[in-house]
Amino acid sequence: MKITRILSDEDGESHFEEIDIPLKDAGDIGALSETFPVTGIIFRETDGDYDYNWHNAPCRQFILMLDGSVEIEVSDGSRKTFHTGDILLAEDTTGRGHISRAVNKQPRKSVFVTLE
């Protein structure tokens, strides 16, 4: 399963990286990943005027897009838009961080799964 990761390099600059979560055949129930140890789950809604300037992820976390979209800009100037069904792994807990913006003035629903 492919997901996008945000990470900070040794100079504190943030970047996107595409990573693959390995899945193993689990028979009739499909393919499963290994278990990730988590510390919590947060449900979130943002308004269509959401525009959050440079910030870091407060902790390592998966962000699951339930409804709507968000544009993320990292410090190398790259931008990506994440839509319903996309998964983001935010690991830029230090350095410059990233910017998050609403897309098309639409609200968004997402779930944050905080990692150990």
C-alpha atoms as a PDB file:
ATOM      1  CA  MET A   1       0.000   0.000   0.000  1.00  0.00           C
ATOM      2  CA  LYS A   2       1.544   3.275  -1.100  1.00  0.00           C
ATOM      3  CA  ILE A   3       1.356   6.320   1.172  1.00  0.00           C
ATOM      4  CA  THR A   4       3.082   9.709   1.314  1.00  0.00           C
ATOM      5  CA  ARG A   5       5.439  10.641   4.125  1.00  0.00           C
ATOM      6  CA  ILE A   6       6.533  14.120   5.223  1.00  0.00           C
ATOM      7  CA  LEU A   7       9.983  14.112   6.804  1.00  0.00           C
ATOM      8  CA  SER A   8      12.608  16.623   7.918  1.00  0.00           C
ATOM      9  CA  ASP A   9      16.202  16.291   6.763  1.00  0.00           C
ATOM     10  CA  GLU A  10      19.317  17.020   8.825  1.00  0.00           C
ATOM     11  CA  ASP A  11      19.101  20.718   7.827  1.00  0.00           C
ATOM     12  CA  GLY A  12      15.510  20.988   9.107  1.00  0.00           C
ATOM     13  CA  GLU A  13      13.962  21.209   5.643  1.00  0.00           C
ATOM     14  CA  SER A  14      10.828  19.161   4.975  1.00  0.00           C
ATOM     15  CA  HIS A  15      10.213  16.891   1.990  1.00  0.00           C
ATOM     16  CA  PHE A  16       7.699  14.408   0.608  1.00  0.00           C
ATOM     17  CA  GLU A  17       8.601  10.761   0.149  1.00  0.00           C
ATOM     18  CA  GLU A  18       6.475   7.973  -1.286  1.00  0.00           C
ATOM     19  CA  ILE A  19       6.717   4.806   0.802  1.00  0.00           C
ATOM     20  CA  ASP A  20       5.205   1.367   0.563  1.00  0.00           C
ATOM     21  CA  ILE A  21       3.539  -0.302   3.552  1.00  0.00           C
ATOM     22  CA  PRO A  22       4.180  -4.024   2.960  1.00  0.00           C
ATOM     23  CA  LEU A  23       1.107  -6.253   2.989  1.00  0.00           C
ATOM     24  CA  LYS A  24       1.040 -10.023   3.450  1.00  0.00           C
ATOM     25  CA  ASP A  25      -1.597 -12.420   2.217  1.00  0.00           C
ATOM     26  CA  ALA A  26      -3.986 -13.243   5.060  1.00  0.00           C
ATOM     27  CA  GLY A  27      -6.170 -15.620   3.109  1.00  0.00           C
ATOM     28  CA  ASP A  28      -9.906 -15.006   2.854  1.00  0.00           C
ATOM     29  CA  ILE A  29      -9.726 -11.679   4.709  1.00  0.00           C
ATOM     30  CA  GLY A  30      -7.295 -10.096   2.230  1.00  0.00           C
ATOM     31  CA  ALA A  31      -3.810  -8.672   2.716  1.00  0.00           C
ATOM     32  CA  LEU A  32      -2.677  -7.127   6.009  1.00  0.00           C
ATOM     33  CA  SER A  33       0.243  -4.995   7.168  1.00  0.00           C
ATOM     34  CA  GLU A  34       2.176  -5.569  10.341  1.00  0.00           C
ATOM     35  CA  THR A  35       0.638  -3.953  13.446  1.00  0.00           C
ATOM     36  CA  PHE A  36       1.729  -0.387  14.151  1.00  0.00           C
ATOM     37  CA  PRO A  37       1.893   0.532  17.867  1.00  0.00           C
ATOM     38  CA  VAL A  38      -0.320   3.590  18.374  1.00  0.00           C
ATOM     39  CA  THR A  39      -1.020   5.915  21.286  1.00  0.00           C
ATOM     40  CA  GLY A  40      -4.313   7.464  20.285  1.00  0.00           C
ATOM     41  CA  ILE A  41      -6.818   8.496  17.669  1.00  0.00           C
ATOM     42  CA  ILE A  42      -8.126  12.006  16.964  1.00  0.00           C
ATOM     43  CA  PHE A  43     -11.158  12.867  14.831  1.00  0.00           C
ATOM     44  CA  ARG A  44     -10.976  16.258  13.112  1.00  0.00           C
ATOM     45  CA  GLU A  45     -13.056  18.616  11.010  1.00  0.00           C
ATOM     46  CA  THR A  46     -11.689  21.756   9.358  1.00  0.00           C
ATOM     47  CA  ASP A  47     -13.620  24.545   7.663  1.00  0.00           C
ATOM     48  CA  GLY A  48     -13.291  25.560   4.037  1.00  0.00           C
ATOM     49  CA  ASP A  49     -11.197  28.606   4.978  1.00  0.00           C
ATOM     50  CA  TYR A  50      -8.551  26.491   6.746  1.00  0.00           C
ATOM     51  CA  ASP A  51      -5.037  27.872   6.060  1.00  0.00           C
ATOM     52  CA  TYR A  52      -2.448  26.914   8.675  1.00  0.00           C
ATOM     53  CA  ASN A  53       0.963  28.514   8.099  1.00  0.00           C
ATOM     54  CA  TRP A  54       4.301  26.800   8.845  1.00  0.00           C
ATOM     55  CA  HIS A  55       3.981  24.225  11.617  1.00  0.00           C
ATOM     56  CA  ASN A  56       5.375  20.870  12.660  1.00  0.00           C
ATOM     57  CA  ALA A  57       3.480  17.674  13.234  1.00  0.00           C
ATOM     58  CA  PRO A  58       3.041  17.476  17.045  1.00  0.00           C
ATOM     59  CA  CYS A  59       4.090  13.813  16.934  1.00  0.00           C
ATOM     60  CA  ARG A  60       4.540  11.013  14.402  1.00  0.00           C
ATOM     61  CA  GLN A  61       1.072  10.313  13.050  1.00  0.00           C
ATOM     62  CA  PHE A  62      -0.892   8.811  10.218  1.00  0.00           C
ATOM     63  CA  ILE A  63      -3.527  11.144   8.782  1.00  0.00           C
ATOM     64  CA  LEU A  64      -6.427   9.367   7.073  1.00  0.00           C
ATOM     65  CA  MET A  65      -8.499  11.547   4.734  1.00  0.00           C
ATOM     66  CA  LEU A  66     -12.170  10.695   5.223  1.00  0.00           C
ATOM     67  CA  ASP A  67     -13.887  13.464   3.264  1.00  0.00           C
ATOM     68  CA  GLY A  68     -12.595  16.482   1.391  1.00  0.00           C
ATOM     69  CA  SER A  69      -9.059  17.471   0.464  1.00  0.00           C
ATOM     70  CA  VAL A  70      -6.030  19.294   1.843  1.00  0.00           C
ATOM     71  CA  GLU A  71      -3.041  20.834   0.091  1.00  0.00           C
ATOM     72  CA  ILE A  72       0.270  20.392   1.918  1.00  0.00           C
ATOM     73  CA  GLU A  73       3.361  22.463   1.086  1.00  0.00           C
ATOM     74  CA  VAL A  74       6.793  21.418   2.375  1.00  0.00           C
ATOM     75  CA  SER A  75       9.840  23.653   2.731  1.00  0.00           C
ATOM     76  CA  ASP A  76      11.500  22.435  -0.485  1.00  0.00           C
ATOM     77  CA  GLY A  77       8.580  24.156  -2.289  1.00  0.00           C
ATOM     78  CA  SER A  78       6.757  20.969  -3.286  1.00  0.00           C
ATOM     79  CA  ARG A  79       2.990  20.840  -2.907  1.00  0.00           C
ATOM     80  CA  LYS A  80       0.674  17.840  -2.910  1.00  0.00           C
ATOM     81  CA  THR A  81      -3.077  17.578  -2.602  1.00  0.00           C
ATOM     82  CA  PHE A  82      -4.508  14.714  -0.574  1.00  0.00           C
ATOM     83  CA  HIS A  83      -8.070  13.554  -1.181  1.00  0.00           C
ATOM     84  CA  THR A  84     -10.644  11.244   0.375  1.00  0.00           C
ATOM     85  CA  GLY A  85      -9.037   7.847   0.947  1.00  0.00           C
ATOM     86  CA  ASP A  86      -5.429   9.088   0.929  1.00  0.00           C
ATOM     87  CA  ILE A  87      -3.059   8.390   3.836  1.00  0.00           C
ATOM     88  CA  LEU A  88      -0.272  10.696   4.958  1.00  0.00           C
ATOM     89  CA  LEU A  89       2.488   9.841   7.449  1.00  0.00           C
ATOM     90  CA  ALA A  90       3.541  13.107   9.127  1.00  0.00           C
ATOM     91  CA  GLU A  91       6.985  12.805  10.694  1.00  0.00           C
ATOM     92  CA  ASP A  92       8.250  16.388  10.386  1.00  0.00           C
ATOM     93  CA  THR A  93       8.211  16.938  14.153  1.00  0.00           C
ATOM     94  CA  THR A  94      11.296  19.189  13.962  1.00  0.00           C
ATOM     95  CA  GLY A  95      12.624  21.721  11.475  1.00  0.00           C
ATOM     96  CA  ARG A  96      10.595  24.115   9.345  1.00  0.00           C
ATOM     97  CA  GLY A  97       7.521  21.903   9.030  1.00  0.00           C
ATOM     98  CA  HIS A  98       4.768  22.332   6.461  1.00  0.00           C
ATOM     99  CA  ILE A  99       1.748  24.442   5.478  1.00  0.00           C
ATOM    100  CA  SER A 100      -1.787  22.963   5.290  1.00  0.00           C
ATOM    101  CA  ARG A 101      -4.572  24.561   3.223  1.00  0.00           C
ATOM    102  CA  ALA A 102      -8.200  23.805   2.413  1.00  0.00           C
ATOM    103  CA  VAL A 103      -8.908  22.979  -1.235  1.00  0.00           C
ATOM    104  CA  ASN A 104     -11.718  24.702  -3.178  1.00  0.00           C
ATOM    105  CA  LYS A 105     -13.023  26.280   0.046  1.00  0.00           C
ATOM    106  CA  GLN A 106     -14.392  22.875   1.077  1.00  0.00           C
ATOM    107  CA  PRO A 107     -14.448  21.492   4.648  1.00  0.00           C
ATOM    108  CA  ARG A 108     -12.499  18.330   5.446  1.00  0.00           C
ATOM    109  CA  LYS A 109     -12.911  15.379   7.790  1.00  0.00           C
ATOM    110  CA  SER A 110      -9.856  13.377   8.806  1.00  0.00           C
ATOM    111  CA  VAL A 111      -8.562  10.980  11.431  1.00  0.00           C
ATOM    112  CA  PHE A 112      -5.162  11.303  13.101  1.00  0.00           C
ATOM    113  CA  VAL A 113      -3.634   8.090  14.441  1.00  0.00           C
ATOM    114  CA  THR A 114      -0.745   8.983  16.761  1.00  0.00           C
ATOM    115  CA  LEU A 115       2.231   6.629  16.781  1.00  0.00           C
ATOM    116  CA  GLU A 116       4.564   5.555  19.568  1.00  0.00           C
END
